[in-house]
């Protein structure tokens, strides 16, 4: 978030301090609402027809899904941790990792 707090400059230091306190309180409320939205947002169920509506360039999707499921699992060339340590394909991966596919693509997970 990139927000600035602007306070009016008045002759009285007390009024200026009060304005700053109001601006800061408003800014904190705005930040809390934004953080709540990002972390507590639960999207409603959407049908396939609804998901396909609109221009495709305006959508965020994950074209890969789960690497442990077919057909993606058949395209896995190698898996490495964020430190470059090789991971066995049969191991459960639940950390930062890089998955290299036989197609030349690299998937990065957090």
C-alpha atoms as a PDB file:
ATOM      1  CA  UNK A   1       0.000   0.000   0.000  1.00  0.00           C
ATOM      2  CA  UNK A   2       1.312   3.380  -0.920  1.00  0.00           C
ATOM      3  CA  UNK A   3      -0.643   6.002   0.988  1.00  0.00           C
ATOM      4  CA  UNK A   4       0.447   9.423   2.163  1.00  0.00           C
ATOM      5  CA  UNK A   5      -0.850  11.409   5.119  1.00  0.00           C
ATOM      6  CA  UNK A   6      -1.412  15.065   4.382  1.00  0.00           C
ATOM      7  CA  UNK A   7      -2.132  17.518   7.192  1.00  0.00           C
ATOM      8  CA  UNK A   8      -3.308  21.071   6.862  1.00  0.00           C
ATOM      9  CA  UNK A   9      -0.911  23.677   8.190  1.00  0.00           C
ATOM     10  CA  UNK A  10      -2.663  25.980  10.656  1.00  0.00           C
ATOM     11  CA  UNK A  11      -1.385  28.630  13.018  1.00  0.00           C
ATOM     12  CA  UNK A  12      -2.325  26.623  16.049  1.00  0.00           C
ATOM     13  CA  UNK A  13      -0.141  23.582  16.808  1.00  0.00           C
ATOM     14  CA  UNK A  14      -3.035  21.996  18.690  1.00  0.00           C
ATOM     15  CA  UNK A  15      -5.388  22.110  15.686  1.00  0.00           C
ATOM     16  CA  UNK A  16      -2.631  20.830  13.393  1.00  0.00           C
ATOM     17  CA  UNK A  17      -1.883  17.909  15.765  1.00  0.00           C
ATOM     18  CA  UNK A  18      -5.615  17.103  15.951  1.00  0.00           C
ATOM     19  CA  UNK A  19      -5.864  17.104  12.133  1.00  0.00           C
ATOM     20  CA  UNK A  20      -2.887  14.779  11.891  1.00  0.00           C
ATOM     21  CA  UNK A  21      -4.444  12.416  14.462  1.00  0.00           C
ATOM     22  CA  UNK A  22      -7.688  12.332  12.460  1.00  0.00           C
ATOM     23  CA  UNK A  23      -5.830  11.687   9.205  1.00  0.00           C
ATOM     24  CA  UNK A  24      -3.772   8.906  10.817  1.00  0.00           C
ATOM     25  CA  UNK A  25      -6.896   7.266  12.272  1.00  0.00           C
ATOM     26  CA  UNK A  26      -8.613   7.382   8.867  1.00  0.00           C
ATOM     27  CA  UNK A  27      -5.504   5.949   7.194  1.00  0.00           C
ATOM     28  CA  UNK A  28      -5.275   3.083   9.729  1.00  0.00           C
ATOM     29  CA  UNK A  29      -8.965   2.219   9.207  1.00  0.00           C
ATOM     30  CA  UNK A  30      -8.411   2.144   5.445  1.00  0.00           C
ATOM     31  CA  UNK A  31      -5.369  -0.135   5.877  1.00  0.00           C
ATOM     32  CA  UNK A  32      -7.302  -2.474   8.187  1.00  0.00           C
ATOM     33  CA  UNK A  33     -10.154  -2.741   5.701  1.00  0.00           C
ATOM     34  CA  UNK A  34      -7.731  -3.485   2.869  1.00  0.00           C
ATOM     35  CA  UNK A  35      -5.867  -6.118   4.891  1.00  0.00           C
ATOM     36  CA  UNK A  36      -9.150  -7.690   6.036  1.00  0.00           C
ATOM     37  CA  UNK A  37     -10.314  -7.889   2.438  1.00  0.00           C
ATOM     38  CA  UNK A  38      -7.108  -9.518   1.247  1.00  0.00           C
ATOM     39  CA  UNK A  39      -6.786 -12.019   4.100  1.00  0.00           C
ATOM     40  CA  UNK A  40     -10.418 -12.664   5.022  1.00  0.00           C
ATOM     41  CA  UNK A  41     -12.020 -12.578   1.590  1.00  0.00           C
ATOM     42  CA  UNK A  42     -13.923 -15.747   0.783  1.00  0.00           C
ATOM     43  CA  UNK A  43     -15.084 -15.777  -2.825  1.00  0.00           C
ATOM     44  CA  UNK A  44     -18.554 -17.057  -3.547  1.00  0.00           C
ATOM     45  CA  UNK A  45     -19.088 -20.204  -5.583  1.00  0.00           C
ATOM     46  CA  UNK A  46     -18.922 -19.577  -9.315  1.00  0.00           C
ATOM     47  CA  UNK A  47     -20.226 -21.728 -12.109  1.00  0.00           C
ATOM     48  CA  UNK A  48     -18.058 -22.612 -15.094  1.00  0.00           C
ATOM     49  CA  UNK A  49     -20.304 -20.459 -17.293  1.00  0.00           C
ATOM     50  CA  UNK A  50     -19.778 -17.437 -14.993  1.00  0.00           C
ATOM     51  CA  UNK A  51     -16.012 -18.030 -14.894  1.00  0.00           C
ATOM     52  CA  UNK A  52     -15.805 -18.037 -18.680  1.00  0.00           C
ATOM     53  CA  UNK A  53     -17.577 -14.667 -19.007  1.00  0.00           C
ATOM     54  CA  UNK A  54     -15.482 -11.623 -19.903  1.00  0.00           C
ATOM     55  CA  UNK A  55     -12.234 -11.076 -21.747  1.00  0.00           C
ATOM     56  CA  UNK A  56      -9.556 -13.764 -21.108  1.00  0.00           C
ATOM     57  CA  UNK A  57      -6.776 -11.177 -20.765  1.00  0.00           C
ATOM     58  CA  UNK A  58      -8.485  -9.843 -17.651  1.00  0.00           C
ATOM     59  CA  UNK A  59      -8.467 -13.166 -15.780  1.00  0.00           C
ATOM     60  CA  UNK A  60      -5.990 -14.666 -13.343  1.00  0.00           C
ATOM     61  CA  UNK A  61      -5.768 -18.425 -13.632  1.00  0.00           C
ATOM     62  CA  UNK A  62      -3.523 -21.313 -12.706  1.00  0.00           C
ATOM     63  CA  UNK A  63      -3.186 -23.382 -15.872  1.00  0.00           C
ATOM     64  CA  UNK A  64      -1.129 -26.052 -14.110  1.00  0.00           C
ATOM     65  CA  UNK A  65      -3.159 -27.233 -11.119  1.00  0.00           C
ATOM     66  CA  UNK A  66      -1.553 -29.908  -8.940  1.00  0.00           C
ATOM     67  CA  UNK A  67       1.789 -31.372 -10.025  1.00  0.00           C
ATOM     68  CA  UNK A  68       0.896 -34.703  -8.463  1.00  0.00           C
ATOM     69  CA  UNK A  69      -2.090 -35.206 -10.784  1.00  0.00           C
ATOM     70  CA  UNK A  70      -2.164 -36.417 -14.394  1.00  0.00           C
ATOM     71  CA  UNK A  71      -1.409 -34.994 -16.942  1.00  0.00           C
ATOM     72  CA  UNK A  72       1.017 -32.577 -15.244  1.00  0.00           C
ATOM     73  CA  UNK A  73       2.681 -35.299 -13.164  1.00  0.00           C
ATOM     74  CA  UNK A  74       3.845 -36.976 -16.379  1.00  0.00           C
ATOM     75  CA  UNK A  75       5.617 -33.762 -17.485  1.00  0.00           C
ATOM     76  CA  UNK A  76       7.716 -33.246 -14.323  1.00  0.00           C
ATOM     77  CA  UNK A  77      11.416 -33.376 -15.134  1.00  0.00           C
ATOM     78  CA  UNK A  78      12.832 -32.347 -11.747  1.00  0.00           C
ATOM     79  CA  UNK A  79      11.926 -30.698  -8.455  1.00  0.00           C
ATOM     80  CA  UNK A  80      14.266 -28.592  -6.310  1.00  0.00           C
ATOM     81  CA  UNK A  81      13.861 -26.745  -3.026  1.00  0.00           C
ATOM     82  CA  UNK A  82      14.526 -23.005  -2.921  1.00  0.00           C
ATOM     83  CA  UNK A  83      18.117 -23.901  -1.934  1.00  0.00           C
ATOM     84  CA  UNK A  84      18.608 -26.009  -5.065  1.00  0.00           C
ATOM     85  CA  UNK A  85      18.387 -29.358  -3.242  1.00  0.00           C
ATOM     86  CA  UNK A  86      16.760 -32.067  -5.415  1.00  0.00           C
ATOM     87  CA  UNK A  87      13.429 -33.446  -4.173  1.00  0.00           C
ATOM     88  CA  UNK A  88      12.083 -36.920  -4.882  1.00  0.00           C
ATOM     89  CA  UNK A  89       8.897 -36.808  -6.963  1.00  0.00           C
ATOM     90  CA  UNK A  90       7.170 -39.146  -4.527  1.00  0.00           C
ATOM     91  CA  UNK A  91       7.839 -36.838  -1.558  1.00  0.00           C
ATOM     92  CA  UNK A  92       5.171 -34.436  -0.364  1.00  0.00           C
ATOM     93  CA  UNK A  93       6.186 -30.912  -1.295  1.00  0.00           C
ATOM     94  CA  UNK A  94       4.993 -28.176   1.025  1.00  0.00           C
ATOM     95  CA  UNK A  95       7.635 -25.474   0.825  1.00  0.00           C
ATOM     96  CA  UNK A  96       9.232 -23.126  -1.666  1.00  0.00           C
ATOM     97  CA  UNK A  97      10.239 -25.179  -4.675  1.00  0.00           C
ATOM     98  CA  UNK A  98      11.015 -25.057  -8.380  1.00  0.00           C
ATOM     99  CA  UNK A  99       9.472 -27.653 -10.667  1.00  0.00           C
ATOM    100  CA  UNK A 100      11.028 -28.065 -14.103  1.00  0.00           C
ATOM    101  CA  UNK A 101       8.800 -29.600 -16.765  1.00  0.00           C
ATOM    102  CA  UNK A 102       9.861 -31.600 -19.797  1.00  0.00           C
ATOM    103  CA  UNK A 103       8.339 -28.798 -21.889  1.00  0.00           C
ATOM    104  CA  UNK A 104      11.016 -26.390 -20.644  1.00  0.00           C
ATOM    105  CA  UNK A 105       8.643 -24.499 -18.348  1.00  0.00           C
ATOM    106  CA  UNK A 106       9.576 -23.809 -14.733  1.00  0.00           C
ATOM    107  CA  UNK A 107       6.976 -23.523 -11.972  1.00  0.00           C
ATOM    108  CA  UNK A 108       7.817 -21.660  -8.773  1.00  0.00           C
ATOM    109  CA  UNK A 109       5.847 -22.308  -5.611  1.00  0.00           C
ATOM    110  CA  UNK A 110       5.818 -20.612  -2.239  1.00  0.00           C
END
